[in-house]
Amino acid sequence: MRLDLLAALNAERAARRACVVVTELESGAQRLVARDHVDADPLAGAIREALAVRRSRLVGEGAKWAFIAVEVPPPRMLVIGAVHISQALAPMARLAGFDLTIIDPRTAFATPERFGDVPVIAEWPEVALPAYGLDPFTALVALTHDPKVDEPALVAGLKAGCFYVGALGSRRTHARRVERLQAAGLSPDVIGRIHAPIGIDIGAASPAEIAVAVLAEVIRALRSGAAHAEGVAA
């Protein structure tokens, strides 16, 4: 790989942006296709398909074969709320391959003693999120059940195009949340991206069971392909 191509690839990785490296097999020529330039590439359709399923692939016919090497940022999970569900969710999410961070301004809950080596940021979301840097490869899970804490994070996650945005609460609680978000200027289509009540419906009751339901829903969103196609187009 050329040094300039490697430098460009490392820059995309550092910025957590999806991209691909296309290698033309007959000539050996290579090019990096950043997400903002997919539409202009001759292999745009194949690149989008490869990015959607997060898998490299060989494409072409005759003498025009090319290998599309997919580079997608590793998935992250940002949990709003240092609650009992978060304590159960953190080790499960890590085992599933997520880099997990917890944000909660309530210092009585957001302590290293309760979460071990899991990063815990004892700040309001409005303060912590700019430095964290939400993106389309992040799942945002809001669990405090407190609108003052959850809703600024939900808005930020929706605006950043997070591949998953979920919030704890009953249908009645979420209906009131929807009213507040609409009053804040969010459209019904955007608000409709929130998974609420959070988690796959498995009849979960305990914090650990709810954590399983949440993680399953996040993984389903991660592997569905549609979220990554949106992330590429963003």
C-alpha atoms as a PDB file:
ATOM      1  CA  MET A   1       0.000   0.000   0.000  1.00  0.00           C
ATOM      2  CA  ARG A   2       1.270   3.462  -0.894  1.00  0.00           C
ATOM      3  CA  LEU A   3       2.273   5.648   2.032  1.00  0.00           C
ATOM      4  CA  ASP A   4      -0.146   8.416   1.066  1.00  0.00           C
ATOM      5  CA  LEU A   5      -2.997   5.898   0.886  1.00  0.00           C
ATOM      6  CA  LEU A   6      -2.045   4.445   4.269  1.00  0.00           C
ATOM      7  CA  ALA A   7      -1.931   7.928   5.796  1.00  0.00           C
ATOM      8  CA  ALA A   8      -5.380   8.713   4.407  1.00  0.00           C
ATOM      9  CA  LEU A   9      -6.723   5.391   5.696  1.00  0.00           C
ATOM     10  CA  ASN A  10      -5.330   6.029   9.181  1.00  0.00           C
ATOM     11  CA  ALA A  11      -6.924   9.483   9.170  1.00  0.00           C
ATOM     12  CA  GLU A  12     -10.328   7.950   8.404  1.00  0.00           C
ATOM     13  CA  ARG A  13      -9.831   5.388  11.168  1.00  0.00           C
ATOM     14  CA  ALA A  14      -8.874   8.066  13.675  1.00  0.00           C
ATOM     15  CA  ALA A  15     -11.971  10.084  12.773  1.00  0.00           C
ATOM     16  CA  ARG A  16     -14.223   6.987  13.082  1.00  0.00           C
ATOM     17  CA  ARG A  17     -15.453   7.268   9.509  1.00  0.00           C
ATOM     18  CA  ALA A  18     -16.385   4.303   7.354  1.00  0.00           C
ATOM     19  CA  CYS A  19     -14.412   3.848   4.146  1.00  0.00           C
ATOM     20  CA  VAL A  20     -13.134   1.187   1.769  1.00  0.00           C
ATOM     21  CA  VAL A  21      -9.892   0.443  -0.042  1.00  0.00           C
ATOM     22  CA  VAL A  22     -10.526  -0.738  -3.598  1.00  0.00           C
ATOM     23  CA  THR A  23      -7.811  -2.842  -5.252  1.00  0.00           C
ATOM     24  CA  GLU A  24      -8.069  -3.512  -8.988  1.00  0.00           C
ATOM     25  CA  LEU A  25      -6.731  -7.046  -9.343  1.00  0.00           C
ATOM     26  CA  GLU A  26      -5.443  -6.817 -12.908  1.00  0.00           C
ATOM     27  CA  SER A  27      -3.430  -3.620 -12.459  1.00  0.00           C
ATOM     28  CA  GLY A  28      -2.895  -3.643  -8.692  1.00  0.00           C
ATOM     29  CA  ALA A  29      -4.053  -0.017  -8.536  1.00  0.00           C
ATOM     30  CA  GLN A  30      -5.575   1.003  -5.245  1.00  0.00           C
ATOM     31  CA  ARG A  31      -7.809   3.846  -4.112  1.00  0.00           C
ATOM     32  CA  LEU A  32      -9.418   4.845  -0.868  1.00  0.00           C
ATOM     33  CA  VAL A  33     -13.104   5.745  -1.061  1.00  0.00           C
ATOM     34  CA  ALA A  34     -14.242   7.845   1.888  1.00  0.00           C
ATOM     35  CA  ARG A  35     -17.908   7.827   2.840  1.00  0.00           C
ATOM     36  CA  ASP A  36     -18.475  11.290   1.357  1.00  0.00           C
ATOM     37  CA  HIS A  37     -17.194  10.114  -2.034  1.00  0.00           C
ATOM     38  CA  VAL A  38     -19.009   6.806  -2.453  1.00  0.00           C
ATOM     39  CA  ASP A  39     -21.554   8.173  -4.942  1.00  0.00           C
ATOM     40  CA  ALA A  40     -18.806   9.324  -7.312  1.00  0.00           C
ATOM     41  CA  ASP A  41     -17.021   5.968  -7.453  1.00  0.00           C
ATOM     42  CA  PRO A  42     -17.614   3.564 -10.391  1.00  0.00           C
ATOM     43  CA  LEU A  43     -18.286   0.790  -7.855  1.00  0.00           C
ATOM     44  CA  ALA A  44     -20.685   2.862  -5.735  1.00  0.00           C
ATOM     45  CA  GLY A  45     -23.391   0.201  -5.563  1.00  0.00           C
ATOM     46  CA  ALA A  46     -21.032  -2.593  -4.578  1.00  0.00           C
ATOM     47  CA  ILE A  47     -19.296  -0.358  -2.033  1.00  0.00           C
ATOM     48  CA  ARG A  48     -22.587   0.540  -0.381  1.00  0.00           C
ATOM     49  CA  GLU A  49     -23.571  -3.127  -0.170  1.00  0.00           C
ATOM     50  CA  ALA A  50     -20.211  -4.081   1.351  1.00  0.00           C
ATOM     51  CA  LEU A  51     -20.404  -1.294   3.911  1.00  0.00           C
ATOM     52  CA  ALA A  52     -23.985  -2.167   4.822  1.00  0.00           C
ATOM     53  CA  VAL A  53     -23.033  -5.717   5.830  1.00  0.00           C
ATOM     54  CA  ARG A  54     -19.581  -4.720   7.119  1.00  0.00           C
ATOM     55  CA  ARG A  55     -17.858  -7.343   4.961  1.00  0.00           C
ATOM     56  CA  SER A  56     -15.086  -7.093   2.393  1.00  0.00           C
ATOM     57  CA  ARG A  57     -15.857  -8.663  -0.966  1.00  0.00           C
ATOM     58  CA  LEU A  58     -14.644  -9.471  -4.457  1.00  0.00           C
ATOM     59  CA  VAL A  59     -16.645  -7.866  -7.254  1.00  0.00           C
ATOM     60  CA  GLY A  60     -16.517  -7.659 -11.039  1.00  0.00           C
ATOM     61  CA  GLU A  61     -16.442  -9.877 -14.086  1.00  0.00           C
ATOM     62  CA  GLY A  62     -14.098 -10.797 -16.906  1.00  0.00           C
ATOM     63  CA  ALA A  63     -10.814  -8.913 -16.545  1.00  0.00           C
ATOM     64  CA  LYS A  64     -12.337  -6.232 -14.326  1.00  0.00           C
ATOM     65  CA  TRP A  65     -12.225  -7.744 -10.873  1.00  0.00           C
ATOM     66  CA  ALA A  66     -11.687  -5.648  -7.783  1.00  0.00           C
ATOM     67  CA  PHE A  67     -11.411  -6.363  -4.080  1.00  0.00           C
ATOM     68  CA  ILE A  68     -13.303  -4.033  -1.740  1.00  0.00           C
ATOM     69  CA  ALA A  69     -11.688  -3.997   1.710  1.00  0.00           C
ATOM     70  CA  VAL A  70     -14.154  -2.565   4.224  1.00  0.00           C
ATOM     71  CA  GLU A  71     -12.949  -0.345   7.044  1.00  0.00           C
ATOM     72  CA  VAL A  72     -15.721   0.315   9.578  1.00  0.00           C
ATOM     73  CA  PRO A  73     -15.127   1.813  13.056  1.00  0.00           C
ATOM     74  CA  PRO A  74     -15.577  -0.609  15.960  1.00  0.00           C
ATOM     75  CA  PRO A  75     -18.999  -0.227  17.590  1.00  0.00           C
ATOM     76  CA  ARG A  76     -19.368   1.744  20.800  1.00  0.00           C
ATOM     77  CA  MET A  77     -22.147   1.923  23.354  1.00  0.00           C
ATOM     78  CA  LEU A  78     -22.820   5.050  25.389  1.00  0.00           C
ATOM     79  CA  VAL A  79     -25.069   4.426  28.369  1.00  0.00           C
ATOM     80  CA  ILE A  80     -26.817   7.355  30.018  1.00  0.00           C
ATOM     81  CA  GLY A  81     -27.398   6.375  33.618  1.00  0.00           C
ATOM     82  CA  ALA A  82     -25.249   4.582  36.183  1.00  0.00           C
ATOM     83  CA  VAL A  83     -28.137   2.369  37.273  1.00  0.00           C
ATOM     84  CA  HIS A  84     -28.596  -1.332  38.096  1.00  0.00           C
ATOM     85  CA  ILE A  85     -29.363  -2.157  34.463  1.00  0.00           C
ATOM     86  CA  SER A  86     -26.095  -0.492  33.458  1.00  0.00           C
ATOM     87  CA  GLN A  87     -24.169  -2.621  35.947  1.00  0.00           C
ATOM     88  CA  ALA A  88     -25.519  -5.755  34.286  1.00  0.00           C
ATOM     89  CA  LEU A  89     -25.241  -4.393  30.746  1.00  0.00           C
ATOM     90  CA  ALA A  90     -21.608  -3.256  30.943  1.00  0.00           C
ATOM     91  CA  PRO A  91     -19.918  -6.692  31.137  1.00  0.00           C
ATOM     92  CA  MET A  92     -22.356  -8.205  28.622  1.00  0.00           C
ATOM     93  CA  ALA A  93     -21.751  -5.420  26.105  1.00  0.00           C
ATOM     94  CA  ARG A  94     -17.997  -5.719  26.460  1.00  0.00           C
ATOM     95  CA  LEU A  95     -18.172  -9.469  25.838  1.00  0.00           C
ATOM     96  CA  ALA A  96     -20.166  -8.694  22.690  1.00  0.00           C
ATOM     97  CA  GLY A  97     -17.405  -6.378  21.452  1.00  0.00           C
ATOM     98  CA  PHE A  98     -18.699  -2.930  22.396  1.00  0.00           C
ATOM     99  CA  ASP A  99     -16.487  -0.216  23.838  1.00  0.00           C
ATOM    100  CA  LEU A 100     -18.827   0.993  26.590  1.00  0.00           C
ATOM    101  CA  THR A 101     -18.883   4.301  28.484  1.00  0.00           C
ATOM    102  CA  ILE A 102     -21.372   5.520  31.095  1.00  0.00           C
ATOM    103  CA  ILE A 103     -22.481   9.125  31.648  1.00  0.00           C
ATOM    104  CA  ASP A 104     -24.436  10.190  34.719  1.00  0.00           C
ATOM    105  CA  PRO A 105     -24.260  13.552  36.520  1.00  0.00           C
ATOM    106  CA  ARG A 106     -25.448  11.971  39.766  1.00  0.00           C
ATOM    107  CA  THR A 107     -22.176  11.445  41.581  1.00  0.00           C
ATOM    108  CA  ALA A 108     -23.736   9.101  44.127  1.00  0.00           C
ATOM    109  CA  PHE A 109     -24.305   6.597  41.297  1.00  0.00           C
ATOM    110  CA  ALA A 110     -21.446   7.370  38.886  1.00  0.00           C
ATOM    111  CA  THR A 111     -18.601   5.880  40.922  1.00  0.00           C
ATOM    112  CA  PRO A 112     -15.699   3.583  39.987  1.00  0.00           C
ATOM    113  CA  GLU A 113     -16.647   1.334  42.901  1.00  0.00           C
ATOM    114  CA  ARG A 114     -19.910   0.411  41.183  1.00  0.00           C
ATOM    115  CA  PHE A 115     -18.460  -0.125  37.696  1.00  0.00           C
ATOM    116  CA  GLY A 116     -14.846  -1.231  38.085  1.00  0.00           C
ATOM    117  CA  ASP A 117     -12.773  -0.388  35.003  1.00  0.00           C
ATOM    118  CA  VAL A 118     -15.732   0.814  32.924  1.00  0.00           C
ATOM    119  CA  PRO A 119     -15.270   4.510  32.058  1.00  0.00           C
ATOM    120  CA  VAL A 120     -17.813   6.544  34.034  1.00  0.00           C
ATOM    121  CA  ILE A 121     -18.218  10.275  33.371  1.00  0.00           C
ATOM    122  CA  ALA A 122     -19.965  12.131  36.191  1.00  0.00           C
ATOM    123  CA  GLU A 123     -21.178  15.031  34.042  1.00  0.00           C
ATOM    124  CA  TRP A 124     -24.415  16.198  32.471  1.00  0.00           C
ATOM    125  CA  PRO A 125     -24.762  14.905  28.903  1.00  0.00           C
ATOM    126  CA  GLU A 126     -24.640  18.430  27.506  1.00  0.00           C
ATOM    127  CA  VAL A 127     -21.168  18.804  29.026  1.00  0.00           C
ATOM    128  CA  ALA A 128     -19.776  15.334  28.315  1.00  0.00           C
ATOM    129  CA  LEU A 129     -21.092  14.565  24.829  1.00  0.00           C
ATOM    130  CA  PRO A 130     -19.084  17.078  22.760  1.00  0.00           C
ATOM    131  CA  ALA A 131     -15.819  15.542  23.952  1.00  0.00           C
ATOM    132  CA  TYR A 132     -17.130  11.991  23.541  1.00  0.00           C
ATOM    133  CA  GLY A 133     -18.124  12.537  19.914  1.00  0.00           C
ATOM    134  CA  LEU A 134     -21.282  10.634  18.969  1.00  0.00           C
ATOM    135  CA  ASP A 135     -21.301   9.097  15.488  1.00  0.00           C
ATOM    136  CA  PRO A 136     -23.252   6.613  13.318  1.00  0.00           C
ATOM    137  CA  PHE A 137     -21.298   3.714  14.817  1.00  0.00           C
ATOM    138  CA  THR A 138     -22.384   4.434  18.384  1.00  0.00           C
ATOM    139  CA  ALA A 139     -25.398   3.027  20.218  1.00  0.00           C
ATOM    140  CA  LEU A 140     -26.944   5.427  22.727  1.00  0.00           C
ATOM    141  CA  VAL A 141     -28.861   3.784  25.583  1.00  0.00           C
ATOM    142  CA  ALA A 142     -30.737   6.125  27.972  1.00  0.00           C
ATOM    143  CA  LEU A 143     -31.622   4.495  31.279  1.00  0.00           C
ATOM    144  CA  THR A 144     -32.011   7.158  33.969  1.00  0.00           C
ATOM    145  CA  HIS A 145     -35.782   7.588  33.555  1.00  0.00           C
ATOM    146  CA  ASP A 146     -35.116  11.297  34.221  1.00  0.00           C
ATOM    147  CA  PRO A 147     -36.035  13.617  31.308  1.00  0.00           C
ATOM    148  CA  LYS A 148     -33.468  16.196  32.391  1.00  0.00           C
ATOM    149  CA  VAL A 149     -30.702  13.651  31.898  1.00  0.00           C
ATOM    150  CA  ASP A 150     -32.023  11.346  29.177  1.00  0.00           C
ATOM    151  CA  GLU A 151     -33.583  13.731  26.708  1.00  0.00           C
ATOM    152  CA  PRO A 152     -30.607  15.985  25.894  1.00  0.00           C
ATOM    153  CA  ALA A 153     -28.660  12.803  25.193  1.00  0.00           C
ATOM    154  CA  LEU A 154     -31.456  11.375  23.038  1.00  0.00           C
ATOM    155  CA  VAL A 155     -31.586  14.550  20.963  1.00  0.00           C
ATOM    156  CA  ALA A 156     -27.814  14.506  20.518  1.00  0.00           C
ATOM    157  CA  GLY A 157     -27.867  10.837  19.508  1.00  0.00           C
ATOM    158  CA  LEU A 158     -30.583  11.399  16.929  1.00  0.00           C
ATOM    159  CA  LYS A 159     -28.812  14.404  15.443  1.00  0.00           C
ATOM    160  CA  ALA A 160     -25.508  12.499  15.268  1.00  0.00           C
ATOM    161  CA  GLY A 161     -27.155   9.586  13.431  1.00  0.00           C
ATOM    162  CA  CYS A 162     -26.317   6.969  16.074  1.00  0.00           C
ATOM    163  CA  PHE A 163     -27.198   3.543  14.679  1.00  0.00           C
ATOM    164  CA  TYR A 164     -29.267   2.851  17.785  1.00  0.00           C
ATOM    165  CA  VAL A 165     -31.049   5.236  20.160  1.00  0.00           C
ATOM    166  CA  GLY A 166     -33.111   3.675  22.938  1.00  0.00           C
ATOM    167  CA  ALA A 167     -34.791   4.921  26.090  1.00  0.00           C
ATOM    168  CA  LEU A 168     -36.135   3.229  29.196  1.00  0.00           C
ATOM    169  CA  GLY A 169     -39.764   3.857  30.101  1.00  0.00           C
ATOM    170  CA  SER A 170     -43.307   2.640  29.589  1.00  0.00           C
ATOM    171  CA  ARG A 171     -45.404   3.493  26.547  1.00  0.00           C
ATOM    172  CA  ARG A 172     -47.146   6.187  28.568  1.00  0.00           C
ATOM    173  CA  THR A 173     -43.798   7.637  29.648  1.00  0.00           C
ATOM    174  CA  HIS A 174     -42.579   7.601  26.071  1.00  0.00           C
ATOM    175  CA  ALA A 175     -45.752   9.296  24.820  1.00  0.00           C
ATOM    176  CA  ARG A 176     -45.036  12.205  27.143  1.00  0.00           C
ATOM    177  CA  ARG A 177     -41.412  12.171  25.992  1.00  0.00           C
ATOM    178  CA  VAL A 178     -42.539  12.394  22.377  1.00  0.00           C
ATOM    179  CA  GLU A 179     -44.647  15.449  23.191  1.00  0.00           C
ATOM    180  CA  ARG A 180     -41.668  17.198  24.774  1.00  0.00           C
ATOM    181  CA  LEU A 181     -39.351  16.329  21.890  1.00  0.00           C
ATOM    182  CA  GLN A 182     -41.891  17.581  19.353  1.00  0.00           C
ATOM    183  CA  ALA A 183     -42.199  20.810  21.326  1.00  0.00           C
ATOM    184  CA  ALA A 184     -38.406  21.066  21.117  1.00  0.00           C
ATOM    185  CA  GLY A 185     -38.625  20.971  17.324  1.00  0.00           C
ATOM    186  CA  LEU A 186     -37.879  17.341  16.425  1.00  0.00           C
ATOM    187  CA  SER A 187     -39.950  15.852  13.627  1.00  0.00           C
ATOM    188  CA  PRO A 188     -42.098  12.723  14.119  1.00  0.00           C
ATOM    189  CA  ASP A 189     -39.844  10.804  11.709  1.00  0.00           C
ATOM    190  CA  VAL A 190     -36.730  11.608  13.721  1.00  0.00           C
ATOM    191  CA  ILE A 191     -38.417  10.855  17.056  1.00  0.00           C
ATOM    192  CA  GLY A 192     -39.658   7.582  15.578  1.00  0.00           C
ATOM    193  CA  ARG A 193     -36.080   6.317  15.494  1.00  0.00           C
ATOM    194  CA  ILE A 194     -36.082   6.010  19.297  1.00  0.00           C
ATOM    195  CA  HIS A 195     -36.506   2.437  20.516  1.00  0.00           C
ATOM    196  CA  ALA A 196     -38.986   2.761  23.373  1.00  0.00           C
ATOM    197  CA  PRO A 197     -39.881   0.924  25.464  1.00  0.00           C
ATOM    198  CA  ILE A 198     -36.242  -0.117  25.202  1.00  0.00           C
ATOM    199  CA  GLY A 199     -35.168  -3.660  24.427  1.00  0.00           C
ATOM    200  CA  ILE A 200     -36.600  -6.671  22.621  1.00  0.00           C
ATOM    201  CA  ASP A 201     -39.823  -7.852  24.213  1.00  0.00           C
ATOM    202  CA  ILE A 202     -38.803 -11.032  26.043  1.00  0.00           C
ATOM    203  CA  GLY A 203     -40.839 -10.386  29.180  1.00  0.00           C
ATOM    204  CA  ALA A 204     -37.754  -9.098  31.010  1.00  0.00           C
ATOM    205  CA  ALA A 205     -38.300  -8.106  34.637  1.00  0.00           C
ATOM    206  CA  SER A 206     -34.973  -7.978  36.519  1.00  0.00           C
ATOM    207  CA  PRO A 207     -32.160  -5.511  35.702  1.00  0.00           C
ATOM    208  CA  ALA A 208     -30.084  -8.331  34.232  1.00  0.00           C
ATOM    209  CA  GLU A 209     -32.953  -9.535  32.038  1.00  0.00           C
ATOM    210  CA  ILE A 210     -33.610  -5.998  30.813  1.00  0.00           C
ATOM    211  CA  ALA A 211     -29.902  -5.681  30.019  1.00  0.00           C
ATOM    212  CA  VAL A 212     -30.114  -8.843  27.890  1.00  0.00           C
ATOM    213  CA  ALA A 213     -33.129  -7.425  26.030  1.00  0.00           C
ATOM    214  CA  VAL A 214     -31.371  -4.114  25.417  1.00  0.00           C
ATOM    215  CA  LEU A 215     -28.156  -5.717  24.186  1.00  0.00           C
ATOM    216  CA  ALA A 216     -30.096  -7.998  21.841  1.00  0.00           C
ATOM    217  CA  GLU A 217     -31.892  -5.016  20.313  1.00  0.00           C
ATOM    218  CA  VAL A 218     -28.635  -3.098  19.898  1.00  0.00           C
ATOM    219  CA  ILE A 219     -26.976  -6.073  18.186  1.00  0.00           C
ATOM    220  CA  ARG A 220     -29.969  -6.479  15.868  1.00  0.00           C
ATOM    221  CA  ALA A 221     -29.656  -2.809  14.878  1.00  0.00           C
ATOM    222  CA  LEU A 222     -25.899  -3.169  14.390  1.00  0.00           C
ATOM    223  CA  ARG A 223     -26.227  -6.199  12.130  1.00  0.00           C
ATOM    224  CA  SER A 224     -29.291  -5.107  10.169  1.00  0.00           C
ATOM    225  CA  GLY A 225     -27.220  -3.247   7.586  1.00  0.00           C
ATOM    226  CA  ALA A 226     -29.592  -0.306   7.194  1.00  0.00           C
ATOM    227  CA  ALA A 227     -27.972   1.665   9.987  1.00  0.00           C
ATOM    228  CA  HIS A 228     -24.567   1.426   8.373  1.00  0.00           C
ATOM    229  CA  ALA A 229     -25.895   2.434   5.005  1.00  0.00           C
ATOM    230  CA  GLU A 230     -27.234   5.598   6.672  1.00  0.00           C
ATOM    231  CA  GLY A 231     -23.921   6.143   8.380  1.00  0.00           C
ATOM    232  CA  VAL A 232     -22.105   5.984   5.079  1.00  0.00           C
ATOM    233  CA  ALA A 233     -24.432   8.518   3.521  1.00  0.00           C
ATOM    234  CA  ALA A 234     -24.350  10.936   6.459  1.00  0.00           C
END
